[in-house]
Amino acid sequence: MALYEHVVITRQDISPQQAEALNDQLKHMLEEQGGAVAKIEYWGLRNLTYRIKKNRKGHYSLLAIDAPAEAVKEMERQLSINEDVLRYMTVRVDELDLELSPVLARRDRERRSDDSSQS
């Protein structure tokens, strides 16, 4: 099976729970077709560089996937139908990075520095 990193951006007017539910749906769909999701990161509501379908913000999620190409194609087909999804991108990688992504690592560092400065 091939390894992929997949980023999906959903509309700003859905709740974070709905964005996480979409991630769970994707995980379930991939597992049904013989794949596996090694990591799911919800990055939260972030500003978009430019408007997409009249949205200025979007819920970002990152998935580390180990699945056959057919399963990834089906996942992308389902995402293209979903009205809540603004954009998605799947990139094939040589190995999965299971550590914290730079986006969450930076947020974690900022939190720790805020906590230490308040002490």
N, C-alpha and C. Protein backbone atom coordinates (compact mmCIF):
# COMPACT_ATOMS: atom_id res chain seq x y z
N MET A 1 0.84 -1.19 0.00
CA MET A 1 0.00 0.00 0.00
C MET A 1 0.88 1.24 0.00
N ALA A 2 0.32 2.32 -0.49
CA ALA A 2 1.05 3.58 -0.59
C ALA A 2 0.77 4.46 0.63
N LEU A 3 1.70 5.38 0.88
CA LEU A 3 1.58 6.30 2.01
C LEU A 3 1.23 7.70 1.48
N TYR A 4 0.29 8.37 2.16
CA TYR A 4 -0.17 9.68 1.73
C TYR A 4 -0.33 10.61 2.91
N GLU A 5 -0.16 11.91 2.64
CA GLU A 5 -0.58 12.95 3.57
C GLU A 5 -1.72 13.68 2.90
N HIS A 6 -2.79 13.89 3.65
CA HIS A 6 -4.01 14.47 3.09
C HIS A 6 -4.44 15.64 3.97
N VAL A 7 -4.64 16.80 3.35
CA VAL A 7 -5.14 17.99 4.06
C VAL A 7 -6.50 18.33 3.49
N VAL A 8 -7.45 18.61 4.37
CA VAL A 8 -8.79 18.98 3.95
C VAL A 8 -9.18 20.27 4.66
N ILE A 9 -9.81 21.19 3.91
CA ILE A 9 -10.31 22.44 4.47
C ILE A 9 -11.82 22.45 4.32
N THR A 10 -12.51 22.63 5.45
CA THR A 10 -13.97 22.66 5.43
C THR A 10 -14.47 24.07 5.73
N ARG A 11 -15.74 24.32 5.44
CA ARG A 11 -16.34 25.65 5.58
C ARG A 11 -16.24 26.17 7.01
N GLN A 12 -16.20 27.48 7.13
CA GLN A 12 -16.06 28.12 8.44
C GLN A 12 -17.33 28.04 9.27
N ASP A 13 -18.49 27.87 8.66
CA ASP A 13 -19.74 27.91 9.42
C ASP A 13 -20.18 26.54 9.96
N ILE A 14 -19.36 25.52 9.77
CA ILE A 14 -19.66 24.26 10.46
C ILE A 14 -18.93 24.27 11.80
N SER A 15 -19.38 23.46 12.71
CA SER A 15 -18.75 23.43 14.04
C SER A 15 -17.48 22.57 14.01
N PRO A 16 -16.59 22.79 14.98
CA PRO A 16 -15.40 21.92 15.05
C PRO A 16 -15.77 20.45 15.20
N GLN A 17 -16.89 20.16 15.88
CA GLN A 17 -17.32 18.77 16.03
C GLN A 17 -17.71 18.17 14.68
N GLN A 18 -18.34 18.98 13.81
CA GLN A 18 -18.70 18.49 12.49
C GLN A 18 -17.44 18.24 11.64
N ALA A 19 -16.44 19.10 11.79
CA ALA A 19 -15.18 18.91 11.05
C ALA A 19 -14.50 17.62 11.53
N GLU A 20 -14.51 17.39 12.84
CA GLU A 20 -13.92 16.16 13.38
C GLU A 20 -14.73 14.93 12.94
N ALA A 21 -16.05 15.08 12.84
CA ALA A 21 -16.90 13.98 12.38
C ALA A 21 -16.56 13.61 10.94
N LEU A 22 -16.27 14.62 10.11
CA LEU A 22 -15.86 14.35 8.73
C LEU A 22 -14.56 13.56 8.71
N ASN A 23 -13.62 13.92 9.60
CA ASN A 23 -12.36 13.16 9.70
C ASN A 23 -12.63 11.71 10.07
N ASP A 24 -13.56 11.50 11.00
CA ASP A 24 -13.90 10.13 11.39
C ASP A 24 -14.55 9.36 10.24
N GLN A 25 -15.38 10.05 9.45
CA GLN A 25 -16.01 9.41 8.29
C GLN A 25 -14.93 8.98 7.29
N LEU A 26 -13.97 9.86 7.05
CA LEU A 26 -12.89 9.53 6.12
C LEU A 26 -12.09 8.34 6.61
N LYS A 27 -11.80 8.33 7.91
CA LYS A 27 -11.06 7.21 8.50
C LYS A 27 -11.83 5.90 8.32
N HIS A 28 -13.12 5.94 8.63
CA HIS A 28 -13.96 4.74 8.51
C HIS A 28 -14.00 4.26 7.05
N MET A 29 -14.16 5.20 6.10
CA MET A 29 -14.23 4.85 4.68
C MET A 29 -12.94 4.19 4.21
N LEU A 30 -11.80 4.73 4.64
CA LEU A 30 -10.51 4.16 4.23
C LEU A 30 -10.30 2.78 4.84
N GLU A 31 -10.70 2.61 6.10
CA GLU A 31 -10.53 1.32 6.76
C GLU A 31 -11.41 0.25 6.12
N GLU A 32 -12.60 0.63 5.67
CA GLU A 32 -13.48 -0.33 4.98
C GLU A 32 -12.84 -0.84 3.70
N GLN A 33 -12.02 -0.02 3.06
CA GLN A 33 -11.41 -0.39 1.78
C GLN A 33 -9.98 -0.90 1.95
N GLY A 34 -9.63 -1.30 3.16
CA GLY A 34 -8.34 -1.93 3.38
C GLY A 34 -7.20 -0.99 3.73
N GLY A 35 -7.50 0.27 3.97
CA GLY A 35 -6.46 1.23 4.33
C GLY A 35 -6.41 1.46 5.83
N ALA A 36 -5.51 2.34 6.23
CA ALA A 36 -5.38 2.69 7.65
C ALA A 36 -5.00 4.16 7.76
N VAL A 37 -5.50 4.81 8.79
CA VAL A 37 -5.15 6.20 9.06
C VAL A 37 -4.24 6.19 10.28
N ALA A 38 -2.99 6.58 10.09
CA ALA A 38 -2.00 6.52 11.16
C ALA A 38 -2.13 7.71 12.11
N LYS A 39 -2.59 8.86 11.59
CA LYS A 39 -2.67 10.06 12.42
C LYS A 39 -3.72 10.99 11.85
N ILE A 40 -4.49 11.63 12.73
CA ILE A 40 -5.43 12.69 12.34
C ILE A 40 -5.13 13.89 13.24
N GLU A 41 -4.88 15.03 12.62
CA GLU A 41 -4.66 16.27 13.36
C GLU A 41 -5.70 17.28 12.91
N TYR A 42 -6.43 17.83 13.88
CA TYR A 42 -7.36 18.92 13.60
C TYR A 42 -6.64 20.21 13.95
N TRP A 43 -6.38 21.06 12.95
CA TRP A 43 -5.62 22.28 13.16
C TRP A 43 -6.49 23.45 13.59
N GLY A 44 -7.80 23.30 13.50
CA GLY A 44 -8.69 24.36 13.95
C GLY A 44 -9.11 25.29 12.83
N LEU A 45 -9.80 26.35 13.22
CA LEU A 45 -10.29 27.36 12.28
C LEU A 45 -9.16 28.34 12.01
N ARG A 46 -8.76 28.44 10.75
CA ARG A 46 -7.62 29.29 10.37
C ARG A 46 -8.03 30.21 9.23
N ASN A 47 -7.34 31.35 9.14
CA ASN A 47 -7.58 32.28 8.05
C ASN A 47 -7.10 31.68 6.73
N LEU A 48 -7.86 31.93 5.67
CA LEU A 48 -7.45 31.52 4.33
C LEU A 48 -6.66 32.68 3.70
N THR A 49 -5.73 32.38 2.82
CA THR A 49 -4.95 33.41 2.15
C THR A 49 -5.84 34.22 1.21
N TYR A 50 -6.79 33.56 0.60
CA TYR A 50 -7.75 34.22 -0.28
C TYR A 50 -9.11 33.56 -0.08
N ARG A 51 -10.16 34.25 -0.48
CA ARG A 51 -11.50 33.70 -0.30
C ARG A 51 -11.71 32.48 -1.20
N ILE A 52 -12.37 31.49 -0.62
CA ILE A 52 -12.76 30.30 -1.38
C ILE A 52 -14.26 30.14 -1.16
N LYS A 53 -15.02 30.24 -2.23
CA LYS A 53 -16.48 30.11 -2.16
C LYS A 53 -17.06 31.02 -1.06
N LYS A 54 -16.59 32.29 -1.06
CA LYS A 54 -17.04 33.34 -0.14
C LYS A 54 -16.65 33.11 1.32
N ASN A 55 -15.74 32.20 1.58
CA ASN A 55 -15.27 31.93 2.95
C ASN A 55 -13.91 32.58 3.16
N ARG A 56 -13.75 33.24 4.31
CA ARG A 56 -12.47 33.85 4.68
C ARG A 56 -11.66 32.94 5.60
N LYS A 57 -12.33 31.97 6.22
CA LYS A 57 -11.68 31.04 7.15
C LYS A 57 -12.10 29.62 6.79
N GLY A 58 -11.37 28.65 7.35
CA GLY A 58 -11.72 27.26 7.13
C GLY A 58 -11.16 26.39 8.24
N HIS A 59 -11.81 25.25 8.46
CA HIS A 59 -11.34 24.25 9.42
C HIS A 59 -10.34 23.36 8.69
N TYR A 60 -9.10 23.31 9.19
CA TYR A 60 -8.05 22.52 8.57
C TYR A 60 -7.86 21.21 9.32
N SER A 61 -7.62 20.13 8.57
CA SER A 61 -7.30 18.83 9.16
C SER A 61 -6.23 18.16 8.32
N LEU A 62 -5.35 17.42 8.99
CA LEU A 62 -4.29 16.66 8.33
C LEU A 62 -4.46 15.19 8.68
N LEU A 63 -4.40 14.32 7.66
CA LEU A 63 -4.48 12.87 7.88
C LEU A 63 -3.25 12.21 7.28
N ALA A 64 -2.64 11.31 8.03
CA ALA A 64 -1.54 10.48 7.53
C ALA A 64 -2.16 9.12 7.19
N ILE A 65 -2.08 8.74 5.91
CA ILE A 65 -2.84 7.60 5.39
C ILE A 65 -1.91 6.54 4.82
N ASP A 66 -2.24 5.28 5.09
CA ASP A 66 -1.59 4.13 4.47
C ASP A 66 -2.71 3.33 3.81
N ALA A 67 -2.90 3.51 2.51
CA ALA A 67 -4.06 2.92 1.84
C ALA A 67 -3.76 2.66 0.36
N PRO A 68 -4.53 1.76 -0.24
CA PRO A 68 -4.40 1.55 -1.69
C PRO A 68 -4.90 2.77 -2.46
N ALA A 69 -4.41 2.94 -3.67
CA ALA A 69 -4.77 4.09 -4.49
C ALA A 69 -6.28 4.18 -4.74
N GLU A 70 -6.94 3.02 -4.90
CA GLU A 70 -8.38 3.03 -5.16
C GLU A 70 -9.15 3.63 -3.98
N ALA A 71 -8.69 3.34 -2.76
CA ALA A 71 -9.35 3.88 -1.57
C ALA A 71 -9.19 5.39 -1.50
N VAL A 72 -8.02 5.88 -1.87
CA VAL A 72 -7.77 7.32 -1.85
C VAL A 72 -8.61 8.00 -2.93
N LYS A 73 -8.72 7.39 -4.09
CA LYS A 73 -9.55 7.96 -5.15
C LYS A 73 -11.01 8.05 -4.72
N GLU A 74 -11.50 7.02 -4.05
CA GLU A 74 -12.89 7.03 -3.57
C GLU A 74 -13.07 8.12 -2.51
N MET A 75 -12.10 8.27 -1.62
CA MET A 75 -12.18 9.32 -0.60
C MET A 75 -12.24 10.70 -1.27
N GLU A 76 -11.40 10.92 -2.27
CA GLU A 76 -11.40 12.21 -2.97
C GLU A 76 -12.71 12.43 -3.71
N ARG A 77 -13.28 11.36 -4.26
CA ARG A 77 -14.57 11.49 -4.94
C ARG A 77 -15.64 11.92 -3.96
N GLN A 78 -15.65 11.30 -2.77
CA GLN A 78 -16.63 11.66 -1.74
C GLN A 78 -16.45 13.11 -1.29
N LEU A 79 -15.20 13.54 -1.16
CA LEU A 79 -14.94 14.92 -0.74
C LEU A 79 -15.38 15.93 -1.80
N SER A 80 -15.23 15.57 -3.07
CA SER A 80 -15.64 16.50 -4.13
C SER A 80 -17.15 16.68 -4.17
N ILE A 81 -17.90 15.71 -3.66
CA ILE A 81 -19.36 15.79 -3.60
C ILE A 81 -19.83 16.58 -2.38
N ASN A 82 -19.06 16.52 -1.29
CA ASN A 82 -19.45 17.12 -0.01
C ASN A 82 -19.45 18.65 -0.10
N GLU A 83 -20.58 19.28 0.22
CA GLU A 83 -20.71 20.73 0.13
C GLU A 83 -19.93 21.46 1.22
N ASP A 84 -19.61 20.78 2.33
CA ASP A 84 -18.87 21.41 3.42
C ASP A 84 -17.38 21.53 3.14
N VAL A 85 -16.88 20.80 2.16
CA VAL A 85 -15.45 20.78 1.86
C VAL A 85 -15.12 21.88 0.84
N LEU A 86 -14.18 22.75 1.22
CA LEU A 86 -13.73 23.82 0.32
C LEU A 86 -12.61 23.33 -0.59
N ARG A 87 -11.59 22.73 0.01
CA ARG A 87 -10.45 22.23 -0.74
C ARG A 87 -9.89 20.99 -0.05
N TYR A 88 -9.18 20.18 -0.82
CA TYR A 88 -8.44 19.05 -0.25
C TYR A 88 -7.24 18.80 -1.14
N MET A 89 -6.21 18.22 -0.55
CA MET A 89 -5.02 17.88 -1.32
C MET A 89 -4.41 16.62 -0.73
N THR A 90 -4.11 15.67 -1.59
CA THR A 90 -3.47 14.43 -1.18
C THR A 90 -2.12 14.35 -1.85
N VAL A 91 -1.08 14.09 -1.05
CA VAL A 91 0.28 14.00 -1.56
C VAL A 91 0.85 12.65 -1.16
N ARG A 92 1.43 11.95 -2.13
CA ARG A 92 2.08 10.67 -1.82
C ARG A 92 3.45 10.95 -1.22
N VAL A 93 3.76 10.25 -0.14
CA VAL A 93 5.04 10.44 0.55
C VAL A 93 5.78 9.12 0.66
N ASP A 94 7.10 9.20 0.91
CA ASP A 94 7.91 8.00 1.05
C ASP A 94 7.72 7.35 2.41
N GLU A 95 7.52 8.18 3.46
CA GLU A 95 7.27 7.65 4.79
C GLU A 95 6.37 8.62 5.54
N LEU A 96 5.59 8.07 6.47
CA LEU A 96 4.66 8.89 7.24
C LEU A 96 5.39 9.54 8.41
N ASP A 97 5.14 10.82 8.61
CA ASP A 97 5.69 11.56 9.74
C ASP A 97 4.63 11.54 10.84
N LEU A 98 4.87 10.74 11.87
CA LEU A 98 3.88 10.57 12.93
C LEU A 98 4.09 11.52 14.11
N GLU A 99 5.08 12.40 14.00
CA GLU A 99 5.29 13.40 15.04
C GLU A 99 4.28 14.54 14.85
N LEU A 100 4.25 15.44 15.81
CA LEU A 100 3.37 16.60 15.73
C LEU A 100 3.76 17.44 14.52
N SER A 101 2.78 17.87 13.74
CA SER A 101 3.07 18.69 12.57
C SER A 101 3.59 20.05 13.01
N PRO A 102 4.29 20.77 12.13
CA PRO A 102 4.81 22.10 12.50
C PRO A 102 3.71 23.07 12.94
N VAL A 103 2.52 22.94 12.38
CA VAL A 103 1.42 23.82 12.76
C VAL A 103 1.06 23.63 14.23
N LEU A 104 0.87 22.40 14.67
CA LEU A 104 0.52 22.13 16.06
C LEU A 104 1.72 22.28 16.99
N ALA A 105 2.91 21.98 16.51
CA ALA A 105 4.10 22.12 17.34
C ALA A 105 4.32 23.59 17.70
N ARG A 106 4.11 24.48 16.73
CA ARG A 106 4.27 25.92 16.99
C ARG A 106 3.23 26.40 18.00
N ARG A 107 1.98 25.94 17.83
CA ARG A 107 0.92 26.33 18.75
C ARG A 107 1.23 25.83 20.16
N ASP A 108 1.79 24.62 20.26
CA ASP A 108 2.14 24.06 21.56
C ASP A 108 3.28 24.85 22.21
N ARG A 109 4.28 25.23 21.41
CA ARG A 109 5.39 26.04 21.92
C ARG A 109 4.89 27.39 22.42
N GLU A 110 3.99 28.02 21.66
CA GLU A 110 3.45 29.32 22.06
C GLU A 110 2.69 29.21 23.38
N ARG A 111 1.93 28.14 23.54
CA ARG A 111 1.19 27.93 24.79
C ARG A 111 2.14 27.79 25.97
N ARG A 112 3.20 26.99 25.78
CA ARG A 112 4.15 26.80 26.87
C ARG A 112 4.88 28.08 27.23
N SER A 113 5.23 28.90 26.23
CA SER A 113 5.92 30.17 26.53
C SER A 113 4.97 31.15 27.22
N ASP A 114 3.68 31.13 26.88
CA ASP A 114 2.71 31.98 27.56
C ASP A 114 2.54 31.54 29.02
N ASP A 115 2.52 30.25 29.25
CA ASP A 115 2.38 29.72 30.61
C ASP A 115 3.59 30.09 31.46
N SER A 116 4.80 29.99 30.89
CA SER A 116 6.00 30.28 31.68
C SER A 116 6.16 31.78 31.94
N SER A 117 5.71 32.64 31.01
CA SER A 117 5.82 34.08 31.22
C SER A 117 4.83 34.59 32.25
N GLN A 118 3.72 33.88 32.45
CA GLN A 118 2.72 34.29 33.42
C GLN A 118 3.10 33.87 34.84
N SER A 119 4.04 32.94 34.96
CA SER A 119 4.44 32.44 36.29
C SER A 119 5.23 33.44 37.07
